[in-house]
């Protein structure tokens, strides 16, 4: 492995600068350094075994011990629902990272770095309302308060009346109106019924 140190250093330098790197990044570095791209998998296995890199979802790695970085592995994704509530200071209970995405990826709970991460798929027409918020020292995509409300209603999640009341109180009424009409009429009625204390 000593001969490979010439690109190990560059891979780890990239991992220091970027919270997430891909197998494509590693292949490019290896190719530039004059080695066979086929060595990429062997190199990754070595770096993971030495705990210099940690696997996230397929083909993506990080040097950080933070499963929420999985959100950066997907083209269109954000941290949402109870995870967003926690980031926004509206949820004090322990939660697992919840990632909402339009990407073609299997929904459900994944074990990443020994922690549970929930991935939920959403249709492209319902993908909106994200903002960058500081999470663990980094700015990550998170649903804004209004979209957090929409997702909780759409997925029929109930974090409790007290939390919902506070979330509704903090949302912008105009934005909620703009968001709610994006859904079919039947879904709109269900959403309005659940937040009937909020004058739409």
N, C-alpha and C. Protein backbone atom coordinates (compact mmCIF):
# COMPACT_ATOMS: atom_id res chain seq x y z
N UNK A 1 0.81 -1.22 0.00
CA UNK A 1 0.00 0.00 0.00
C UNK A 1 0.85 1.28 0.00
N UNK A 2 2.14 1.14 0.28
CA UNK A 2 2.98 2.33 0.36
C UNK A 2 3.01 3.08 -0.97
N UNK A 3 2.99 2.31 -2.10
CA UNK A 3 3.02 2.95 -3.40
C UNK A 3 1.78 3.77 -3.69
N UNK A 4 0.74 3.48 -2.96
CA UNK A 4 -0.53 4.17 -3.19
C UNK A 4 -0.65 5.45 -2.35
N UNK A 5 0.32 5.72 -1.51
CA UNK A 5 0.25 6.89 -0.64
C UNK A 5 0.14 8.19 -1.44
N UNK A 6 0.64 8.15 -2.68
CA UNK A 6 0.62 9.36 -3.51
C UNK A 6 -0.80 9.87 -3.75
N UNK A 7 -1.78 8.95 -3.77
CA UNK A 7 -3.15 9.45 -3.92
C UNK A 7 -3.98 9.31 -2.65
N UNK A 8 -3.51 8.54 -1.67
CA UNK A 8 -4.20 8.50 -0.37
C UNK A 8 -4.28 9.90 0.22
N UNK A 9 -3.15 10.61 0.20
CA UNK A 9 -3.09 11.95 0.80
C UNK A 9 -4.08 12.90 0.12
N UNK A 10 -4.18 12.78 -1.22
CA UNK A 10 -5.09 13.67 -1.94
C UNK A 10 -6.55 13.32 -1.66
N UNK A 11 -6.84 12.04 -1.54
CA UNK A 11 -8.21 11.61 -1.21
C UNK A 11 -8.60 12.14 0.16
N UNK A 12 -7.71 12.00 1.13
CA UNK A 12 -8.02 12.45 2.49
C UNK A 12 -8.06 13.98 2.57
N UNK A 13 -7.28 14.65 1.73
CA UNK A 13 -7.33 16.11 1.69
C UNK A 13 -8.70 16.57 1.18
N UNK A 14 -9.21 15.87 0.16
CA UNK A 14 -10.54 16.19 -0.36
C UNK A 14 -11.60 15.91 0.71
N UNK A 15 -11.44 14.80 1.43
CA UNK A 15 -12.40 14.44 2.49
C UNK A 15 -12.39 15.45 3.63
N UNK A 16 -11.26 16.12 3.83
CA UNK A 16 -11.17 17.18 4.85
C UNK A 16 -11.96 18.41 4.42
N UNK A 17 -11.90 18.71 3.11
CA UNK A 17 -12.54 19.92 2.59
C UNK A 17 -14.03 19.73 2.35
N UNK A 18 -14.41 18.52 1.93
CA UNK A 18 -15.80 18.25 1.56
C UNK A 18 -16.41 17.26 2.55
N UNK A 19 -17.60 17.54 3.09
CA UNK A 19 -18.19 16.63 4.07
C UNK A 19 -18.50 15.25 3.51
N UNK A 20 -18.73 15.17 2.19
CA UNK A 20 -19.04 13.89 1.54
C UNK A 20 -18.24 13.79 0.24
N UNK A 21 -17.64 12.63 -0.01
CA UNK A 21 -16.98 12.38 -1.30
C UNK A 21 -17.58 11.12 -1.91
N UNK A 22 -17.48 11.02 -3.23
CA UNK A 22 -18.06 9.88 -3.93
C UNK A 22 -16.97 8.99 -4.51
N UNK A 23 -17.38 7.80 -4.92
CA UNK A 23 -16.43 6.89 -5.56
C UNK A 23 -15.92 7.52 -6.86
N UNK A 24 -16.76 8.36 -7.50
CA UNK A 24 -16.34 9.07 -8.71
C UNK A 24 -15.19 10.02 -8.42
N UNK A 25 -15.25 10.72 -7.29
CA UNK A 25 -14.16 11.62 -6.88
C UNK A 25 -12.87 10.83 -6.71
N UNK A 26 -12.98 9.67 -6.07
CA UNK A 26 -11.79 8.84 -5.80
C UNK A 26 -11.21 8.30 -7.10
N UNK A 27 -12.08 7.88 -8.01
CA UNK A 27 -11.60 7.38 -9.31
C UNK A 27 -10.85 8.46 -10.08
N UNK A 28 -11.36 9.69 -10.04
CA UNK A 28 -10.71 10.80 -10.76
C UNK A 28 -9.31 11.07 -10.19
N UNK A 29 -9.21 11.06 -8.87
CA UNK A 29 -7.90 11.30 -8.23
C UNK A 29 -6.91 10.21 -8.63
N UNK A 30 -7.36 8.96 -8.58
CA UNK A 30 -6.49 7.83 -8.92
C UNK A 30 -6.04 7.91 -10.38
N UNK A 31 -6.97 8.30 -11.26
CA UNK A 31 -6.64 8.41 -12.69
C UNK A 31 -5.63 9.52 -12.94
N UNK A 32 -5.84 10.68 -12.30
CA UNK A 32 -4.93 11.82 -12.46
C UNK A 32 -3.52 11.45 -11.98
N UNK A 33 -3.46 10.64 -10.92
CA UNK A 33 -2.17 10.25 -10.36
C UNK A 33 -1.51 9.13 -11.15
N UNK A 34 -2.14 8.73 -12.26
CA UNK A 34 -1.50 7.75 -13.14
C UNK A 34 -1.73 6.31 -12.77
N UNK A 35 -2.68 6.04 -11.90
CA UNK A 35 -2.97 4.66 -11.51
C UNK A 35 -4.24 4.19 -12.20
N UNK A 36 -4.46 2.90 -12.15
CA UNK A 36 -5.64 2.28 -12.76
C UNK A 36 -6.88 2.61 -11.95
N UNK A 37 -7.92 3.10 -12.64
CA UNK A 37 -9.17 3.44 -11.95
C UNK A 37 -9.79 2.24 -11.23
N UNK A 38 -9.46 1.04 -11.70
CA UNK A 38 -10.01 -0.17 -11.07
C UNK A 38 -9.53 -0.32 -9.63
N UNK A 39 -8.46 0.40 -9.29
CA UNK A 39 -7.94 0.34 -7.92
C UNK A 39 -8.82 1.11 -6.94
N UNK A 40 -9.81 1.83 -7.45
CA UNK A 40 -10.65 2.68 -6.58
C UNK A 40 -11.33 1.86 -5.49
N UNK A 41 -11.94 0.74 -5.87
CA UNK A 41 -12.66 -0.07 -4.89
C UNK A 41 -11.72 -0.61 -3.82
N UNK A 42 -10.55 -1.08 -4.25
CA UNK A 42 -9.56 -1.59 -3.31
C UNK A 42 -9.09 -0.49 -2.36
N UNK A 43 -8.90 0.70 -2.92
CA UNK A 43 -8.48 1.85 -2.11
C UNK A 43 -9.53 2.21 -1.07
N UNK A 44 -10.79 2.26 -1.51
CA UNK A 44 -11.89 2.58 -0.59
C UNK A 44 -11.97 1.54 0.53
N UNK A 45 -11.91 0.27 0.17
CA UNK A 45 -11.98 -0.79 1.18
C UNK A 45 -10.88 -0.63 2.22
N UNK A 46 -9.68 -0.25 1.76
CA UNK A 46 -8.56 -0.04 2.68
C UNK A 46 -8.83 1.14 3.61
N UNK A 47 -9.29 2.26 3.04
CA UNK A 47 -9.54 3.46 3.85
C UNK A 47 -10.69 3.25 4.84
N UNK A 48 -11.70 2.49 4.43
CA UNK A 48 -12.82 2.17 5.33
C UNK A 48 -12.34 1.24 6.44
N UNK A 49 -11.55 0.24 6.07
CA UNK A 49 -11.02 -0.71 7.06
C UNK A 49 -10.18 0.00 8.11
N UNK A 50 -9.41 0.99 7.67
CA UNK A 50 -8.56 1.76 8.58
C UNK A 50 -9.35 2.86 9.31
N UNK A 51 -10.67 2.95 9.01
CA UNK A 51 -11.57 3.93 9.62
C UNK A 51 -11.17 5.37 9.30
N UNK A 52 -10.52 5.54 8.14
CA UNK A 52 -10.20 6.88 7.67
C UNK A 52 -11.39 7.47 6.92
N UNK A 53 -12.19 6.59 6.31
CA UNK A 53 -13.44 6.99 5.68
C UNK A 53 -14.57 6.13 6.24
N UNK A 54 -15.76 6.70 6.28
CA UNK A 54 -16.95 5.97 6.74
C UNK A 54 -17.98 5.92 5.62
N UNK A 55 -18.55 4.74 5.37
CA UNK A 55 -19.55 4.65 4.30
C UNK A 55 -20.88 5.27 4.71
N UNK A 56 -21.49 5.97 3.76
CA UNK A 56 -22.84 6.51 3.96
C UNK A 56 -23.78 5.61 3.15
N UNK A 57 -24.38 6.12 2.06
CA UNK A 57 -25.11 5.23 1.17
C UNK A 57 -24.19 4.86 0.02
N UNK A 58 -24.59 3.90 -0.78
CA UNK A 58 -23.74 3.31 -1.82
C UNK A 58 -22.98 4.35 -2.63
N UNK A 59 -21.65 4.19 -2.64
CA UNK A 59 -20.80 5.05 -3.45
C UNK A 59 -20.45 6.39 -2.84
N UNK A 60 -20.80 6.61 -1.57
CA UNK A 60 -20.52 7.89 -0.90
C UNK A 60 -19.89 7.65 0.47
N UNK A 61 -18.93 8.51 0.80
CA UNK A 61 -18.14 8.32 2.02
C UNK A 61 -17.87 9.66 2.69
N UNK A 62 -17.52 9.58 3.97
CA UNK A 62 -17.18 10.77 4.73
C UNK A 62 -16.14 10.41 5.78
N UNK A 63 -15.40 11.40 6.22
CA UNK A 63 -14.47 11.15 7.33
C UNK A 63 -15.11 11.53 8.66
N UNK A 64 -16.33 12.05 8.60
CA UNK A 64 -17.02 12.53 9.79
C UNK A 64 -17.96 11.47 10.36
N UNK A 65 -18.15 11.51 11.66
CA UNK A 65 -19.05 10.58 12.33
C UNK A 65 -20.43 11.23 12.46
N UNK A 66 -21.12 11.38 11.32
CA UNK A 66 -22.39 12.10 11.30
C UNK A 66 -23.31 11.53 10.22
N UNK A 67 -24.26 10.67 10.59
CA UNK A 67 -25.14 10.05 9.59
C UNK A 67 -26.07 11.03 8.88
N UNK A 68 -26.28 12.24 9.44
CA UNK A 68 -27.15 13.21 8.75
C UNK A 68 -26.53 13.67 7.43
N UNK A 69 -25.22 13.47 7.26
CA UNK A 69 -24.56 13.85 6.01
C UNK A 69 -25.06 13.03 4.83
N UNK A 70 -25.79 11.96 5.11
CA UNK A 70 -26.39 11.16 4.04
C UNK A 70 -27.23 12.03 3.13
N UNK A 71 -27.82 13.09 3.67
CA UNK A 71 -28.67 13.98 2.87
C UNK A 71 -27.90 14.61 1.71
N UNK A 72 -26.58 14.76 1.86
CA UNK A 72 -25.76 15.36 0.81
C UNK A 72 -25.41 14.36 -0.29
N UNK A 73 -25.72 13.09 -0.08
CA UNK A 73 -25.43 12.07 -1.08
C UNK A 73 -26.50 12.01 -2.16
N UNK A 74 -27.62 12.65 -1.91
CA UNK A 74 -28.77 12.59 -2.82
C UNK A 74 -28.90 13.90 -3.58
N UNK A 75 -29.36 13.82 -4.83
CA UNK A 75 -29.44 15.02 -5.67
C UNK A 75 -30.45 16.02 -5.13
N UNK A 76 -31.64 15.53 -4.80
CA UNK A 76 -32.69 16.40 -4.26
C UNK A 76 -33.18 15.78 -2.96
N UNK A 77 -32.79 16.38 -1.85
CA UNK A 77 -33.15 15.83 -0.55
C UNK A 77 -33.01 16.88 0.53
N UNK A 78 -33.77 16.71 1.60
CA UNK A 78 -33.64 17.59 2.75
C UNK A 78 -33.99 16.82 4.02
N UNK A 79 -33.53 17.33 5.15
CA UNK A 79 -33.89 16.79 6.45
C UNK A 79 -35.27 17.32 6.79
N UNK A 80 -36.18 16.42 7.17
CA UNK A 80 -37.55 16.86 7.37
C UNK A 80 -38.24 16.29 8.59
N UNK A 81 -39.49 16.64 8.73
CA UNK A 81 -40.41 16.20 9.78
C UNK A 81 -39.80 16.36 11.18
N UNK A 82 -39.77 15.29 11.99
CA UNK A 82 -39.30 15.45 13.38
C UNK A 82 -37.85 15.93 13.43
N UNK A 83 -37.05 15.51 12.45
CA UNK A 83 -35.66 15.97 12.41
C UNK A 83 -35.61 17.48 12.17
N UNK A 84 -36.45 17.96 11.26
CA UNK A 84 -36.52 19.41 11.01
C UNK A 84 -37.02 20.15 12.24
N UNK A 85 -38.03 19.59 12.90
CA UNK A 85 -38.55 20.20 14.13
C UNK A 85 -37.44 20.35 15.17
N UNK A 86 -36.62 19.31 15.29
CA UNK A 86 -35.52 19.33 16.25
C UNK A 86 -34.51 20.43 15.90
N UNK A 87 -34.15 20.52 14.63
CA UNK A 87 -33.20 21.53 14.17
C UNK A 87 -33.76 22.94 14.38
N UNK A 88 -35.07 23.09 14.20
CA UNK A 88 -35.73 24.39 14.34
C UNK A 88 -36.09 24.72 15.79
N UNK A 89 -35.69 23.84 16.72
CA UNK A 89 -35.93 24.09 18.14
C UNK A 89 -37.35 23.86 18.59
N UNK A 90 -38.09 23.01 17.85
CA UNK A 90 -39.49 22.74 18.18
C UNK A 90 -39.71 21.32 18.71
N UNK A 91 -38.66 20.54 18.77
CA UNK A 91 -38.79 19.13 19.17
C UNK A 91 -37.63 18.78 20.08
N UNK A 92 -37.93 18.40 21.30
CA UNK A 92 -36.88 18.13 22.28
C UNK A 92 -36.59 16.65 22.45
N UNK A 93 -37.48 15.80 21.96
CA UNK A 93 -37.26 14.36 22.09
C UNK A 93 -36.17 13.90 21.14
N UNK A 94 -35.54 12.79 21.50
CA UNK A 94 -34.51 12.23 20.63
C UNK A 94 -35.16 11.72 19.35
N UNK A 95 -34.54 12.00 18.22
CA UNK A 95 -35.09 11.55 16.94
C UNK A 95 -33.98 10.99 16.08
N UNK A 96 -34.36 10.22 15.07
CA UNK A 96 -33.38 9.74 14.11
C UNK A 96 -33.41 10.67 12.90
N UNK A 97 -32.31 10.76 12.15
CA UNK A 97 -32.34 11.58 10.94
C UNK A 97 -33.44 11.11 10.00
N UNK A 98 -34.25 12.04 9.51
CA UNK A 98 -35.30 11.74 8.54
C UNK A 98 -34.99 12.53 7.28
N UNK A 99 -34.77 11.81 6.18
CA UNK A 99 -34.41 12.43 4.91
C UNK A 99 -35.55 12.23 3.92
N UNK A 100 -36.00 13.32 3.32
CA UNK A 100 -37.06 13.26 2.32
C UNK A 100 -36.43 13.59 0.96
N UNK A 101 -36.67 12.73 -0.03
CA UNK A 101 -35.98 12.87 -1.31
C UNK A 101 -36.87 12.48 -2.49
N UNK A 102 -36.54 13.03 -3.65
CA UNK A 102 -37.21 12.62 -4.90
C UNK A 102 -36.39 11.56 -5.62
N UNK A 103 -35.19 11.27 -5.14
CA UNK A 103 -34.30 10.33 -5.81
C UNK A 103 -34.87 8.91 -5.81
N UNK A 104 -34.46 8.14 -6.81
CA UNK A 104 -34.88 6.73 -6.90
C UNK A 104 -34.03 5.91 -5.94
N UNK A 105 -34.49 5.81 -4.74
CA UNK A 105 -33.78 5.07 -3.69
C UNK A 105 -34.82 4.39 -2.82
N UNK A 106 -34.47 3.24 -2.30
CA UNK A 106 -35.42 2.49 -1.48
C UNK A 106 -35.77 3.26 -0.21
N UNK A 107 -37.07 3.39 0.02
CA UNK A 107 -37.53 4.04 1.26
C UNK A 107 -37.38 3.09 2.43
N UNK A 108 -37.31 3.66 3.62
CA UNK A 108 -37.25 2.84 4.82
C UNK A 108 -36.06 3.20 5.69
N UNK A 109 -35.87 2.42 6.73
CA UNK A 109 -34.80 2.68 7.69
C UNK A 109 -33.50 2.02 7.22
N UNK A 110 -32.43 2.77 7.23
CA UNK A 110 -31.09 2.26 6.94
C UNK A 110 -30.25 2.37 8.20
N UNK A 111 -29.29 1.47 8.33
CA UNK A 111 -28.31 1.57 9.41
C UNK A 111 -27.05 2.18 8.81
N UNK A 112 -26.72 3.38 9.25
CA UNK A 112 -25.56 4.11 8.74
C UNK A 112 -24.71 4.53 9.93
N UNK A 113 -23.46 4.08 9.93
CA UNK A 113 -22.54 4.34 11.06
C UNK A 113 -23.13 3.84 12.37
N UNK A 114 -23.87 2.76 12.31
CA UNK A 114 -24.45 2.19 13.53
C UNK A 114 -25.70 2.89 14.00
N UNK A 115 -26.16 3.91 13.26
CA UNK A 115 -27.37 4.65 13.64
C UNK A 115 -28.47 4.43 12.61
N UNK A 116 -29.71 4.55 13.07
CA UNK A 116 -30.85 4.42 12.17
C UNK A 116 -31.12 5.74 11.45
N UNK A 117 -31.33 5.66 10.15
CA UNK A 117 -31.66 6.82 9.32
C UNK A 117 -32.89 6.44 8.50
N UNK A 118 -33.93 7.27 8.55
CA UNK A 118 -35.15 7.00 7.80
C UNK A 118 -35.16 7.82 6.51
N UNK A 119 -35.33 7.11 5.39
CA UNK A 119 -35.42 7.77 4.09
C UNK A 119 -36.84 7.62 3.56
N UNK A 120 -37.43 8.75 3.18
CA UNK A 120 -38.80 8.75 2.65
C UNK A 120 -38.80 9.38 1.26
N UNK A 121 -39.50 8.75 0.33
CA UNK A 121 -39.61 9.28 -1.03
C UNK A 121 -40.78 10.24 -1.12
N UNK A 122 -40.62 11.25 -1.98
CA UNK A 122 -41.69 12.20 -2.22
C UNK A 122 -41.73 12.52 -3.72
N UNK A 123 -42.92 12.78 -4.25
CA UNK A 123 -43.04 13.12 -5.67
C UNK A 123 -42.38 14.48 -5.94
N UNK A 124 -41.84 14.60 -7.15
CA UNK A 124 -41.12 15.83 -7.52
C UNK A 124 -41.98 17.08 -7.36
N UNK A 125 -43.27 16.96 -7.64
CA UNK A 125 -44.14 18.15 -7.55
C UNK A 125 -44.32 18.63 -6.11
N UNK A 126 -43.99 17.77 -5.14
CA UNK A 126 -44.09 18.16 -3.73
C UNK A 126 -42.72 18.49 -3.13
N UNK A 127 -41.72 18.62 -4.01
CA UNK A 127 -40.38 18.95 -3.52
C UNK A 127 -40.17 20.47 -3.61
N UNK A 128 -40.20 21.12 -2.48
CA UNK A 128 -40.02 22.58 -2.40
C UNK A 128 -39.86 22.93 -0.93
N UNK A 129 -39.60 24.19 -0.65
CA UNK A 129 -39.58 24.65 0.73
C UNK A 129 -38.40 24.21 1.57
N UNK A 130 -37.22 24.15 0.95
CA UNK A 130 -36.04 23.81 1.74
C UNK A 130 -35.20 25.05 1.98
N UNK A 131 -34.43 25.02 3.05
CA UNK A 131 -33.50 26.10 3.35
C UNK A 131 -32.24 25.49 3.94
N UNK A 132 -31.18 26.25 3.95
CA UNK A 132 -29.92 25.76 4.53
C UNK A 132 -29.82 26.23 5.97
N UNK A 133 -29.72 25.27 6.87
CA UNK A 133 -29.58 25.58 8.29
C UNK A 133 -28.34 24.91 8.84
N UNK A 134 -27.78 25.50 9.90
CA UNK A 134 -26.57 24.95 10.49
C UNK A 134 -26.90 23.73 11.33
N UNK A 135 -26.30 22.62 10.97
CA UNK A 135 -26.51 21.35 11.68
C UNK A 135 -25.14 20.75 11.96
N UNK A 136 -24.78 20.66 13.24
CA UNK A 136 -23.48 20.09 13.58
C UNK A 136 -22.31 20.82 12.95
N UNK A 137 -22.42 22.14 12.85
CA UNK A 137 -21.31 22.92 12.31
C UNK A 137 -21.30 23.08 10.80
N UNK A 138 -22.29 22.46 10.11
CA UNK A 138 -22.36 22.56 8.65
C UNK A 138 -23.75 23.02 8.23
N UNK A 139 -23.84 23.64 7.09
CA UNK A 139 -25.14 24.04 6.55
C UNK A 139 -25.70 22.92 5.69
N UNK A 140 -26.83 22.38 6.11
CA UNK A 140 -27.47 21.27 5.41
C UNK A 140 -28.87 21.66 4.97
N UNK A 141 -29.40 21.02 3.91
CA UNK A 141 -30.77 21.32 3.47
C UNK A 141 -31.80 20.79 4.46
N UNK A 142 -32.68 21.66 4.90
CA UNK A 142 -33.71 21.33 5.89
C UNK A 142 -35.03 21.93 5.39
N UNK A 143 -36.14 21.24 5.59
CA UNK A 143 -37.43 21.83 5.21
C UNK A 143 -37.70 23.04 6.09
N UNK A 144 -38.24 24.11 5.47
CA UNK A 144 -38.61 25.26 6.28
C UNK A 144 -39.85 24.91 7.12
N UNK A 145 -40.23 25.79 8.00
CA UNK A 145 -41.32 25.47 8.94
C UNK A 145 -42.62 25.13 8.21
N UNK A 146 -42.91 25.88 7.16
CA UNK A 146 -44.15 25.65 6.42
C UNK A 146 -44.14 24.29 5.72
N UNK A 147 -42.99 23.92 5.14
CA UNK A 147 -42.90 22.61 4.46
C UNK A 147 -42.86 21.48 5.48
N UNK A 148 -42.26 21.74 6.64
CA UNK A 148 -42.28 20.74 7.71
C UNK A 148 -43.72 20.43 8.10
N UNK A 149 -44.53 21.47 8.21
CA UNK A 149 -45.95 21.29 8.52
C UNK A 149 -46.64 20.48 7.43
N UNK A 150 -46.40 20.83 6.16
CA UNK A 150 -47.02 20.11 5.04
C UNK A 150 -46.64 18.63 5.06
N UNK A 151 -45.36 18.34 5.30
CA UNK A 151 -44.90 16.94 5.29
C UNK A 151 -45.50 16.15 6.45
N UNK A 152 -45.59 16.76 7.62
CA UNK A 152 -46.20 16.07 8.77
C UNK A 152 -47.65 15.72 8.46
N UNK A 153 -48.36 16.64 7.83
CA UNK A 153 -49.75 16.40 7.47
C UNK A 153 -49.86 15.37 6.35
N UNK A 154 -49.02 15.51 5.33
CA UNK A 154 -49.07 14.62 4.17
C UNK A 154 -48.78 13.17 4.55
N UNK A 155 -47.77 12.99 5.41
CA UNK A 155 -47.39 11.63 5.84
C UNK A 155 -48.17 11.17 7.08
N UNK A 156 -49.12 12.01 7.52
CA UNK A 156 -49.98 11.70 8.66
C UNK A 156 -49.18 11.37 9.92
N UNK A 157 -48.17 12.19 10.15
CA UNK A 157 -47.35 12.08 11.36
C UNK A 157 -47.91 13.04 12.41
N UNK A 158 -47.88 12.61 13.66
CA UNK A 158 -48.40 13.46 14.74
C UNK A 158 -47.37 13.58 15.86
N UNK A 159 -46.63 14.69 15.89
CA UNK A 159 -45.64 14.88 16.95
C UNK A 159 -46.24 15.33 18.28
N UNK A 160 -47.57 15.48 18.31
CA UNK A 160 -48.25 15.92 19.53
C UNK A 160 -48.85 17.30 19.36
N UNK A 161 -49.97 17.53 20.06
CA UNK A 161 -50.71 18.79 19.91
C UNK A 161 -49.87 20.00 20.27
N UNK A 162 -49.11 19.91 21.35
CA UNK A 162 -48.31 21.06 21.79
C UNK A 162 -47.30 21.47 20.72
N UNK A 163 -46.64 20.47 20.14
CA UNK A 163 -45.64 20.74 19.10
C UNK A 163 -46.31 21.30 17.85
N UNK A 164 -47.43 20.69 17.45
CA UNK A 164 -48.14 21.16 16.26
C UNK A 164 -48.66 22.59 16.45
N UNK A 165 -49.19 22.87 17.62
CA UNK A 165 -49.68 24.22 17.90
C UNK A 165 -48.57 25.25 17.77
N UNK A 166 -47.39 24.91 18.32
CA UNK A 166 -46.26 25.84 18.27
C UNK A 166 -45.75 25.98 16.84
N UNK A 167 -45.70 24.87 16.10
CA UNK A 167 -45.26 24.93 14.70
C UNK A 167 -46.20 25.80 13.88
N UNK A 168 -47.50 25.57 14.04
CA UNK A 168 -48.50 26.36 13.30
C UNK A 168 -48.38 27.84 13.64
N UNK A 169 -48.15 28.14 14.91
CA UNK A 169 -48.01 29.52 15.37
C UNK A 169 -46.82 30.22 14.68
N UNK A 170 -45.76 29.46 14.43
CA UNK A 170 -44.54 30.05 13.88
C UNK A 170 -44.52 30.11 12.35
N UNK A 171 -45.49 29.46 11.70
CA UNK A 171 -45.47 29.46 10.24
C UNK A 171 -46.06 30.74 9.67
N UNK A 172 -45.69 31.03 8.45
CA UNK A 172 -46.20 32.19 7.72
C UNK A 172 -47.50 31.76 7.02
N UNK A 173 -48.61 32.42 7.36
CA UNK A 173 -49.92 32.03 6.83
C UNK A 173 -49.96 32.09 5.31
N UNK A 174 -49.35 33.11 4.75
CA UNK A 174 -49.36 33.28 3.29
C UNK A 174 -48.64 32.12 2.61
N UNK A 175 -47.50 31.73 3.17
CA UNK A 175 -46.72 30.62 2.59
C UNK A 175 -47.49 29.31 2.72
N UNK A 176 -48.13 29.09 3.87
CA UNK A 176 -48.92 27.87 4.07
C UNK A 176 -50.02 27.79 3.02
N UNK A 177 -50.68 28.90 2.74
CA UNK A 177 -51.74 28.93 1.72
C UNK A 177 -51.17 28.56 0.34
N UNK A 178 -49.99 29.11 0.04
CA UNK A 178 -49.35 28.81 -1.25
C UNK A 178 -48.98 27.34 -1.36
N UNK A 179 -48.52 26.77 -0.25
CA UNK A 179 -48.10 25.37 -0.25
C UNK A 179 -49.27 24.41 -0.33
N UNK A 180 -50.32 24.69 0.43
CA UNK A 180 -51.41 23.73 0.58
C UNK A 180 -52.18 23.51 -0.73
N UNK A 181 -52.22 24.55 -1.58
CA UNK A 181 -52.96 24.40 -2.84
C UNK A 181 -52.20 23.57 -3.88
N UNK A 182 -50.98 23.18 -3.57
CA UNK A 182 -50.21 22.31 -4.47
C UNK A 182 -50.73 20.87 -4.44
N UNK A 183 -51.52 20.54 -3.43
CA UNK A 183 -51.99 19.17 -3.24
C UNK A 183 -53.40 18.99 -3.83
N UNK A 184 -53.80 17.74 -4.11
CA UNK A 184 -55.16 17.49 -4.59
C UNK A 184 -56.19 17.98 -3.58
N UNK A 185 -57.39 18.29 -4.06
CA UNK A 185 -58.42 18.87 -3.20
C UNK A 185 -58.71 18.02 -1.96
N UNK A 186 -58.77 16.72 -2.15
CA UNK A 186 -59.06 15.83 -1.02
C UNK A 186 -57.97 15.94 0.05
N UNK A 187 -56.72 16.00 -0.41
CA UNK A 187 -55.60 16.13 0.53
C UNK A 187 -55.64 17.50 1.20
N UNK A 188 -55.99 18.53 0.43
CA UNK A 188 -56.12 19.87 1.00
C UNK A 188 -57.13 19.89 2.15
N UNK A 189 -58.27 19.25 1.92
CA UNK A 189 -59.32 19.22 2.95
C UNK A 189 -58.83 18.52 4.21
N UNK A 190 -58.10 17.41 4.01
CA UNK A 190 -57.56 16.68 5.16
C UNK A 190 -56.58 17.56 5.94
N UNK A 191 -55.73 18.27 5.20
CA UNK A 191 -54.74 19.14 5.84
C UNK A 191 -55.42 20.27 6.60
N UNK A 192 -56.40 20.89 5.97
CA UNK A 192 -57.11 22.01 6.61
C UNK A 192 -57.84 21.55 7.87
N UNK A 193 -58.40 20.36 7.80
CA UNK A 193 -59.13 19.83 8.95
C UNK A 193 -58.20 19.63 10.14
N UNK A 194 -56.99 19.17 9.85
CA UNK A 194 -56.03 18.90 10.93
C UNK A 194 -55.44 20.18 11.52
N UNK A 195 -55.51 21.25 10.76
CA UNK A 195 -54.98 22.52 11.31
C UNK A 195 -56.09 23.57 11.35
N UNK A 196 -57.30 23.11 11.67
CA UNK A 196 -58.46 24.01 11.65
C UNK A 196 -58.33 25.17 12.64
N UNK A 197 -57.47 25.04 13.63
CA UNK A 197 -57.27 26.15 14.57
C UNK A 197 -56.43 27.26 13.94
N UNK A 198 -55.88 26.97 12.76
CA UNK A 198 -55.03 27.93 12.06
C UNK A 198 -55.84 28.53 10.92
N UNK A 199 -56.22 29.80 10.97
CA UNK A 199 -57.13 30.38 9.97
C UNK A 199 -56.51 30.53 8.59
N UNK A 200 -56.84 29.62 7.69
CA UNK A 200 -56.33 29.68 6.32
C UNK A 200 -57.28 30.48 5.43
